[in-house]
PDB file of N, CA and C in Angstrom:
ATOM      1  N   MET A   1       1.307  -1.213   0.026  1.00  0.00           N
ATOM      2  CA  MET A   1      -0.111   0.115   0.266  1.00  0.00           C
ATOM      3  C   MET A   1       1.053   1.319   0.252  1.00  0.00           C
ATOM      4  N   GLU A   2       0.325   2.108  -0.313  1.00  0.00           N
ATOM      5  CA  GLU A   2       1.354   3.310  -0.889  1.00  0.00           C
ATOM      6  C   GLU A   2       0.116   4.679  -1.221  1.00  0.00           C
ATOM      7  N   ASN A   3       0.556   5.541  -0.049  1.00  0.00           N
ATOM      8  CA  ASN A   3      -0.171   6.542  -0.608  1.00  0.00           C
ATOM      9  C   ASN A   3      -2.095   6.157  -0.704  1.00  0.00           C
ATOM     10  N   GLY A   4      -2.716   5.152   0.228  1.00  0.00           N
ATOM     11  CA  GLY A   4      -3.722   5.010   0.310  1.00  0.00           C
ATOM     12  C   GLY A   4      -4.049   3.792  -1.106  1.00  0.00           C
ATOM     13  N   GLU A   5      -3.271   3.401  -1.819  1.00  0.00           N
ATOM     14  CA  GLU A   5      -3.450   2.806  -3.063  1.00  0.00           C
ATOM     15  C   GLU A   5      -2.744   1.493  -2.911  1.00  0.00           C
ATOM     16  N   VAL A   6      -2.986   0.542  -2.946  1.00  0.00           N
ATOM     17  CA  VAL A   6      -2.737  -1.058  -3.178  1.00  0.00           C
ATOM     18  C   VAL A   6      -1.877  -0.882  -4.255  1.00  0.00           C
ATOM     19  N   ILE A   7      -0.296  -1.441  -4.535  1.00  0.00           N
ATOM     20  CA  ILE A   7       0.110  -1.287  -5.836  1.00  0.00           C
ATOM     21  C   ILE A   7       0.483  -3.158  -5.795  1.00  0.00           C
ATOM     22  N   SER A   8      -0.403  -3.190  -6.456  1.00  0.00           N
ATOM     23  CA  SER A   8      -0.661  -4.804  -6.875  1.00  0.00           C
ATOM     24  C   SER A   8       0.534  -5.518  -7.741  1.00  0.00           C
ATOM     25  N   ASP A   9       1.695  -4.429  -8.602  1.00  0.00           N
ATOM     26  CA  ASP A   9       3.128  -5.640  -8.892  1.00  0.00           C
ATOM     27  C   ASP A   9       3.579  -5.843  -7.465  1.00  0.00           C
ATOM     28  N   ILE A  10       3.434  -6.135  -6.337  1.00  0.00           N
ATOM     29  CA  ILE A  10       4.479  -6.470  -5.640  1.00  0.00           C
ATOM     30  C   ILE A  10       3.496  -7.505  -4.197  1.00  0.00           C
ATOM     31  N   MET A  11       2.117  -7.212  -5.058  1.00  0.00           N
ATOM     32  CA  MET A  11       1.286  -8.423  -3.788  1.00  0.00           C
ATOM     33  C   MET A  11       0.749  -9.373  -4.985  1.00  0.00           C
ATOM     34  N   ASP A  12       0.932 -10.546  -5.262  1.00  0.00           N
ATOM     35  CA  ASP A  12       0.952 -11.438  -6.710  1.00  0.00           C
ATOM     36  C   ASP A  12       1.646 -12.757  -5.483  1.00  0.00           C
ATOM     37  N   PRO A  13       1.268 -12.959  -4.248  1.00  0.00           N
ATOM     38  CA  PRO A  13       2.000 -14.775  -3.850  1.00  0.00           C
ATOM     39  C   PRO A  13       1.639 -15.660  -4.304  1.00  0.00           C
ATOM     40  N   MET A  14       0.469 -15.486  -5.225  1.00  0.00           N
ATOM     41  CA  MET A  14       0.097 -16.968  -5.503  1.00  0.00           C
ATOM     42  C   MET A  14       0.933 -16.774  -7.306  1.00  0.00           C
ATOM     43  N   SER A  15       1.412 -15.920  -7.598  1.00  0.00           N
ATOM     44  CA  SER A  15       1.932 -16.399  -8.676  1.00  0.00           C
ATOM     45  C   SER A  15       1.043 -16.301 -10.248  1.00  0.00           C
ATOM     46  N   GLY A  16       0.174 -15.461  -9.819  1.00  0.00           N
ATOM     47  CA  GLY A  16      -0.504 -15.287 -10.828  1.00  0.00           C
ATOM     48  C   GLY A  16      -2.226 -16.802 -11.282  1.00  0.00           C
ATOM     49  N   LYS A  17      -1.796 -17.057 -10.213  1.00  0.00           N
ATOM     50  CA  LYS A  17      -2.989 -18.237  -9.984  1.00  0.00           C
ATOM     51  C   LYS A  17      -3.984 -17.982  -9.559  1.00  0.00           C
ATOM     52  N   TYR A  18      -4.527 -16.676  -9.041  1.00  0.00           N
ATOM     53  CA  TYR A  18      -5.808 -16.202  -8.870  1.00  0.00           C
ATOM     54  C   TYR A  18      -5.857 -14.660  -8.973  1.00  0.00           C
ATOM     55  N   GLN A  19      -7.230 -14.395  -8.849  1.00  0.00           N
ATOM     56  CA  GLN A  19      -7.698 -13.132  -9.489  1.00  0.00           C
ATOM     57  C   GLN A  19      -8.165 -12.747  -8.500  1.00  0.00           C
ATOM     58  N   TYR A  20      -7.623 -11.148  -7.783  1.00  0.00           N
ATOM     59  CA  TYR A  20      -7.818 -10.588  -6.563  1.00  0.00           C
ATOM     60  C   TYR A  20      -8.756  -9.815  -6.522  1.00  0.00           C
ATOM     61  N   GLU A  21     -10.258  -9.891  -6.463  1.00  0.00           N
ATOM     62  CA  GLU A  21     -11.372  -9.241  -6.236  1.00  0.00           C
ATOM     63  C   GLU A  21     -11.770  -7.935  -5.076  1.00  0.00           C
ATOM     64  N   GLY A  22     -11.258  -8.697  -3.817  1.00  0.00           N
ATOM     65  CA  GLY A  22     -11.412  -7.463  -2.850  1.00  0.00           C
ATOM     66  C   GLY A  22     -10.574  -7.533  -1.585  1.00  0.00           C
ATOM     67  N   VAL A  23     -10.316  -6.030  -1.581  1.00  0.00           N
ATOM     68  CA  VAL A  23      -9.245  -6.041  -0.782  1.00  0.00           C
ATOM     69  C   VAL A  23      -9.965  -4.726   0.262  1.00  0.00           C
ATOM     70  N   THR A  24      -9.116  -5.477   1.849  1.00  0.00           N
ATOM     71  CA  THR A  24      -9.560  -4.830   3.279  1.00  0.00           C
ATOM     72  C   THR A  24      -7.789  -4.302   3.480  1.00  0.00           C
ATOM     73  N   CYS A  25      -7.671  -3.004   3.974  1.00  0.00           N
ATOM     74  CA  CYS A  25      -6.804  -2.626   4.791  1.00  0.00           C
ATOM     75  C   CYS A  25      -6.972  -2.501   6.048  1.00  0.00           C
ATOM     76  N   PHE A  26      -5.927  -2.071   6.852  1.00  0.00           N
ATOM     77  CA  PHE A  26      -6.575  -1.659   8.195  1.00  0.00           C
ATOM     78  C   PHE A  26      -5.171  -0.743   8.368  1.00  0.00           C
ATOM     79  N   ASP A  27      -4.276  -0.469   7.827  1.00  0.00           N
ATOM     80  CA  ASP A  27      -3.276   0.328   7.914  1.00  0.00           C
ATOM     81  C   ASP A  27      -2.425   0.175   6.658  1.00  0.00           C
ATOM     82  N   GLU A  28      -1.049   0.560   6.719  1.00  0.00           N
ATOM     83  CA  GLU A  28      -0.321   0.515   5.286  1.00  0.00           C
ATOM     84  C   GLU A  28       0.497  -0.841   5.425  1.00  0.00           C
ATOM     85  N   LYS A  29      -0.023  -1.232   6.509  1.00  0.00           N
ATOM     86  CA  LYS A  29       0.838  -2.697   6.163  1.00  0.00           C
ATOM     87  C   LYS A  29       0.077  -4.031   6.341  1.00  0.00           C
ATOM     88  N   THR A  30      -1.376  -3.918   7.198  1.00  0.00           N
ATOM     89  CA  THR A  30      -2.257  -4.857   7.613  1.00  0.00           C
ATOM     90  C   THR A  30      -3.375  -4.905   6.559  1.00  0.00           C
ATOM     91  N   ALA A  31      -3.614  -5.934   5.666  1.00  0.00           N
ATOM     92  CA  ALA A  31      -4.490  -5.798   4.599  1.00  0.00           C
ATOM     93  C   ALA A  31      -4.803  -7.533   4.507  1.00  0.00           C
ATOM     94  N   TRP A  32      -6.043  -7.571   4.387  1.00  0.00           N
ATOM     95  CA  TRP A  32      -6.688  -8.896   3.655  1.00  0.00           C
ATOM     96  C   TRP A  32      -7.402  -8.880   2.698  1.00  0.00           C
ATOM     97  N   VAL A  33      -7.173 -10.477   1.499  1.00  0.00           N
ATOM     98  CA  VAL A  33      -7.364  -9.997   0.139  1.00  0.00           C
ATOM     99  C   VAL A  33      -7.918 -11.260  -0.283  1.00  0.00           C
ATOM    100  N   VAL A  34      -9.250 -11.165  -1.150  1.00  0.00           N
ATOM    101  CA  VAL A  34      -9.531 -11.815  -1.453  1.00  0.00           C
ATOM    102  C   VAL A  34     -10.342 -12.486  -3.068  1.00  0.00           C
ATOM    103  N   GLY A  35     -10.287 -13.593  -3.566  1.00  0.00           N
ATOM    104  CA  GLY A  35     -10.240 -14.015  -4.980  1.00  0.00           C
ATOM    105  C   GLY A  35     -11.090 -15.135  -5.388  1.00  0.00           C
ATOM    106  N   PHE A  36     -10.596 -15.410  -6.657  1.00  0.00           N
ATOM    107  CA  PHE A  36     -11.117 -16.369  -6.892  1.00  0.00           C
ATOM    108  C   PHE A  36     -10.075 -17.219  -7.957  1.00  0.00           C
ATOM    109  N   LYS A  37     -10.265 -18.623  -8.525  1.00  0.00           N
ATOM    110  CA  LYS A  37      -8.966 -19.148  -9.533  1.00  0.00           C
ATOM    111  C   LYS A  37      -8.923 -19.064 -10.487  1.00  0.00           C
ATOM    112  N   SER A  38      -7.849 -18.299 -11.701  1.00  0.00           N
ATOM    113  CA  SER A  38      -8.015 -17.703 -12.805  1.00  0.00           C
ATOM    114  C   SER A  38      -8.365 -19.434 -13.903  1.00  0.00           C
ATOM    115  N   PHE A  39      -8.559 -19.104 -14.628  1.00  0.00           N
ATOM    116  CA  PHE A  39      -9.072 -20.205 -15.385  1.00  0.00           C
ATOM    117  C   PHE A  39      -8.087 -21.589 -16.049  1.00  0.00           C
ATOM    118  N   SER A  40      -6.744 -21.398 -16.345  1.00  0.00           N
ATOM    119  CA  SER A  40      -5.998 -22.334 -16.538  1.00  0.00           C
ATOM    120  C   SER A  40      -4.972 -22.556 -15.573  1.00  0.00           C
ATOM    121  N   VAL A  41      -5.580 -22.563 -14.653  1.00  0.00           N
ATOM    122  CA  VAL A  41      -4.736 -23.040 -12.850  1.00  0.00           C
ATOM    123  C   VAL A  41      -5.120 -24.214 -13.042  1.00  0.00           C
ATOM    124  N   ASP A  42      -3.777 -25.277 -12.064  1.00  0.00           N
ATOM    125  CA  ASP A  42      -4.252 -26.638 -11.554  1.00  0.00           C
ATOM    126  C   ASP A  42      -5.468 -26.623 -10.936  1.00  0.00           C
ATOM    127  N   PRO A  43      -6.309 -27.837 -11.641  1.00  0.00           N
ATOM    128  CA  PRO A  43      -7.553 -28.222 -11.174  1.00  0.00           C
ATOM    129  C   PRO A  43      -8.041 -28.422  -9.474  1.00  0.00           C
ATOM    130  N   ASP A  44      -6.295 -29.052  -9.310  1.00  0.00           N
ATOM    131  CA  ASP A  44      -6.670 -29.381  -7.511  1.00  0.00           C
ATOM    132  C   ASP A  44      -6.642 -27.660  -6.470  1.00  0.00           C
ATOM    133  N   LEU A  45      -6.446 -26.877  -7.309  1.00  0.00           N
ATOM    134  CA  LEU A  45      -6.240 -25.885  -6.126  1.00  0.00           C
ATOM    135  C   LEU A  45      -7.611 -25.538  -6.115  1.00  0.00           C
ATOM    136  N   PRO A  46      -7.842 -24.871  -4.711  1.00  0.00           N
ATOM    137  CA  PRO A  46      -9.074 -24.400  -4.302  1.00  0.00           C
ATOM    138  C   PRO A  46      -9.662 -23.564  -5.226  1.00  0.00           C
ATOM    139  N   GLU A  47     -10.990 -23.162  -5.281  1.00  0.00           N
ATOM    140  CA  GLU A  47     -12.220 -22.283  -5.988  1.00  0.00           C
ATOM    141  C   GLU A  47     -11.166 -20.777  -5.807  1.00  0.00           C
ATOM    142  N   GLY A  48     -11.393 -20.660  -4.482  1.00  0.00           N
ATOM    143  CA  GLY A  48     -11.228 -19.267  -4.001  1.00  0.00           C
ATOM    144  C   GLY A  48      -9.969 -19.120  -2.936  1.00  0.00           C
ATOM    145  N   VAL A  49      -9.764 -17.795  -2.375  1.00  0.00           N
ATOM    146  CA  VAL A  49      -8.602 -17.767  -1.656  1.00  0.00           C
ATOM    147  C   VAL A  49      -8.111 -16.351  -1.017  1.00  0.00           C
ATOM    148  N   ILE A  50      -7.788 -16.607   0.727  1.00  0.00           N
ATOM    149  CA  ILE A  50      -8.210 -15.776   1.272  1.00  0.00           C
ATOM    150  C   ILE A  50      -6.511 -15.418   1.541  1.00  0.00           C
ATOM    151  N   LEU A  51      -5.753 -14.110   1.216  1.00  0.00           N
ATOM    152  CA  LEU A  51      -4.556 -13.858   1.865  1.00  0.00           C
ATOM    153  C   LEU A  51      -4.312 -12.962   3.030  1.00  0.00           C
ATOM    154  N   HIS A  52      -3.553 -12.615   3.987  1.00  0.00           N
ATOM    155  CA  HIS A  52      -3.475 -11.944   4.652  1.00  0.00           C
ATOM    156  C   HIS A  52      -1.886 -12.017   4.927  1.00  0.00           C
ATOM    157  N   THR A  53      -1.597 -10.162   5.186  1.00  0.00           N
ATOM    158  CA  THR A  53      -0.368  -9.874   5.701  1.00  0.00           C
ATOM    159  C   THR A  53      -0.390  -8.665   6.793  1.00  0.00           C
ATOM    160  N   GLU A  54       0.525  -8.640   7.709  1.00  0.00           N
ATOM    161  CA  GLU A  54       0.650  -7.595   8.533  1.00  0.00           C
ATOM    162  C   GLU A  54       2.191  -7.393   8.665  1.00  0.00           C
ATOM    163  N   ASP A  55       2.618  -7.219   7.382  1.00  0.00           N
ATOM    164  CA  ASP A  55       4.192  -7.065   7.168  1.00  0.00           C
ATOM    165  C   ASP A  55       4.008  -5.927   5.557  1.00  0.00           C
ATOM    166  N   GLY A  56       3.216  -5.963   5.142  1.00  0.00           N
ATOM    167  CA  GLY A  56       2.897  -5.415   3.586  1.00  0.00           C
ATOM    168  C   GLY A  56       3.314  -6.370   2.630  1.00  0.00           C
ATOM    169  N   THR A  57       4.382  -6.928   2.927  1.00  0.00           N
ATOM    170  CA  THR A  57       5.287  -8.174   1.948  1.00  0.00           C
ATOM    171  C   THR A  57       5.012  -9.329   2.334  1.00  0.00           C
ATOM    172  N   THR A  58       4.782  -9.942   3.023  1.00  0.00           N
ATOM    173  CA  THR A  58       4.952 -11.142   3.630  1.00  0.00           C
ATOM    174  C   THR A  58       3.313 -12.043   3.477  1.00  0.00           C
ATOM    175  N   TRP A  59       3.158 -12.277   2.942  1.00  0.00           N
ATOM    176  CA  TRP A  59       1.247 -13.226   2.441  1.00  0.00           C
ATOM    177  C   TRP A  59       1.149 -14.326   3.196  1.00  0.00           C
ATOM    178  N   THR A  60       0.280 -14.621   3.330  1.00  0.00           N
ATOM    179  CA  THR A  60      -0.392 -15.514   4.025  1.00  0.00           C
ATOM    180  C   THR A  60      -1.727 -16.290   3.413  1.00  0.00           C
ATOM    181  N   SER A  61      -2.051 -17.770   2.981  1.00  0.00           N
ATOM    182  CA  SER A  61      -3.020 -17.962   2.565  1.00  0.00           C
ATOM    183  C   SER A  61      -3.727 -18.381   3.801  1.00  0.00           C
ATOM    184  N   GLN A  62      -4.877 -18.324   3.647  1.00  0.00           N
ATOM    185  CA  GLN A  62      -5.930 -18.460   5.160  1.00  0.00           C
ATOM    186  C   GLN A  62      -6.450 -19.911   4.421  1.00  0.00           C
ATOM    187  N   THR A  63      -6.790 -21.100   5.414  1.00  0.00           N
ATOM    188  CA  THR A  63      -7.369 -22.183   5.362  1.00  0.00           C
ATOM    189  C   THR A  63      -8.812 -22.118   5.039  1.00  0.00           C
ATOM    190  N   LEU A  64      -9.542 -22.632   3.897  1.00  0.00           N
ATOM    191  CA  LEU A  64     -10.789 -22.354   3.640  1.00  0.00           C
ATOM    192  C   LEU A  64     -11.902 -23.490   4.232  1.00  0.00           C
ATOM    193  N   PRO A  65     -12.698 -23.396   4.693  1.00  0.00           N
ATOM    194  CA  PRO A  65     -13.707 -24.754   5.010  1.00  0.00           C
ATOM    195  C   PRO A  65     -13.850 -25.774   4.106  1.00  0.00           C
ATOM    196  N   VAL A  66     -13.856 -24.708   2.501  1.00  0.00           N
ATOM    197  CA  VAL A  66     -14.572 -25.629   1.509  1.00  0.00           C
ATOM    198  C   VAL A  66     -13.870 -25.201   0.212  1.00  0.00           C
ATOM    199  N   SER A  67     -13.345 -26.378  -0.455  1.00  0.00           N
ATOM    200  CA  SER A  67     -12.728 -25.812  -1.999  1.00  0.00           C
ATOM    201  C   SER A  67     -13.722 -25.322  -2.960  1.00  0.00           C
ATOM    202  N   ASP A  68     -14.760 -25.609  -2.811  1.00  0.00           N
ATOM    203  CA  ASP A  68     -15.135 -25.022  -4.683  1.00  0.00           C
ATOM    204  C   ASP A  68     -15.905 -23.538  -4.200  1.00  0.00           C
ATOM    205  N   ILE A  69     -15.129 -22.402  -3.045  1.00  0.00           N
ATOM    206  CA  ILE A  69     -16.143 -21.210  -2.811  1.00  0.00           C
ATOM    207  C   ILE A  69     -15.511 -20.717  -3.948  1.00  0.00           C
ATOM    208  N   LEU A  70     -15.970 -19.180  -4.721  1.00  0.00           N
ATOM    209  CA  LEU A  70     -15.173 -18.421  -4.820  1.00  0.00           C
ATOM    210  C   LEU A  70     -15.493 -17.238  -4.466  1.00  0.00           C
ATOM    211  N   LEU A  71     -14.584 -16.263  -3.933  1.00  0.00           N
ATOM    212  CA  LEU A  71     -14.736 -15.082  -3.187  1.00  0.00           C
ATOM    213  C   LEU A  71     -14.773 -13.821  -3.962  1.00  0.00           C
ATOM    214  N   TRP A  72     -15.470 -12.561  -3.288  1.00  0.00           N
ATOM    215  CA  TRP A  72     -15.620 -11.519  -4.440  1.00  0.00           C
ATOM    216  C   TRP A  72     -14.938  -9.994  -3.470  1.00  0.00           C
ATOM    217  N   LYS A  73     -15.679 -10.445  -2.953  1.00  0.00           N
ATOM    218  CA  LYS A  73     -15.791  -9.312  -1.121  1.00  0.00           C
ATOM    219  C   LYS A  73     -15.217  -9.554  -0.164  1.00  0.00           C
ATOM    220  N   ILE A  74     -14.564  -8.523   0.506  1.00  0.00           N
ATOM    221  CA  ILE A  74     -14.009  -8.772   1.596  1.00  0.00           C
ATOM    222  C   ILE A  74     -14.551  -7.830   2.298  1.00  0.00           C
ATOM    223  N   SER A  75     -14.876  -7.454   3.697  1.00  0.00           N
ATOM    224  CA  SER A  75     -15.292  -6.251   4.697  1.00  0.00           C
ATOM    225  C   SER A  75     -15.004  -6.453   6.224  1.00  0.00           C
ATOM    226  N   PHE A  76     -14.594  -5.414   6.815  1.00  0.00           N
ATOM    227  CA  PHE A  76     -14.521  -5.818   8.181  1.00  0.00           C
ATOM    228  C   PHE A  76     -15.186  -4.953   9.153  1.00  0.00           C
ATOM    229  N   VAL A  77     -15.531  -4.911  10.226  1.00  0.00           N
ATOM    230  CA  VAL A  77     -15.898  -3.960  11.040  1.00  0.00           C
ATOM    231  C   VAL A  77     -15.290  -3.957  12.229  1.00  0.00           C
ATOM    232  N   GLY A  78     -14.981  -2.700  13.271  1.00  0.00           N
ATOM    233  CA  GLY A  78     -14.670  -3.172  13.692  1.00  0.00           C
ATOM    234  C   GLY A  78     -14.263  -1.504  15.028  1.00  0.00           C
ATOM    235  N   ALA A  79     -13.602  -1.695  15.769  1.00  0.00           N
ATOM    236  CA  ALA A  79     -13.941  -0.577  17.092  1.00  0.00           C
ATOM    237  C   ALA A  79     -13.349   0.862  16.572  1.00  0.00           C
ATOM    238  N   HIS A  80     -12.571   0.855  15.480  1.00  0.00           N
ATOM    239  CA  HIS A  80     -12.391   2.277  14.986  1.00  0.00           C
ATOM    240  C   HIS A  80     -12.221   2.459  13.578  1.00  0.00           C
ATOM    241  N   ARG A  81     -13.440   2.043  13.115  1.00  0.00           N
ATOM    242  CA  ARG A  81     -14.224   2.688  11.912  1.00  0.00           C
ATOM    243  C   ARG A  81     -15.651   2.719  12.376  1.00  0.00           C
TER     244      ARG A  81
END
């Protein structure tokens, strides 16, 4: 994130396997991203993805309860909003 904008060329931890559709940023380093699998990707991968970062660089994939879900949006409501 730079000046309130997500810089997409540094945020592709899955190397083009997923299309990211929803982003929620808490600050300049903490963010959650959701998306769905690209068409020509390994069929054994889950259809959707949830990624999280706390340092703006290292992204961690979150475990989904099922593998056939497509994710489009993400939103959080907290005490500071």
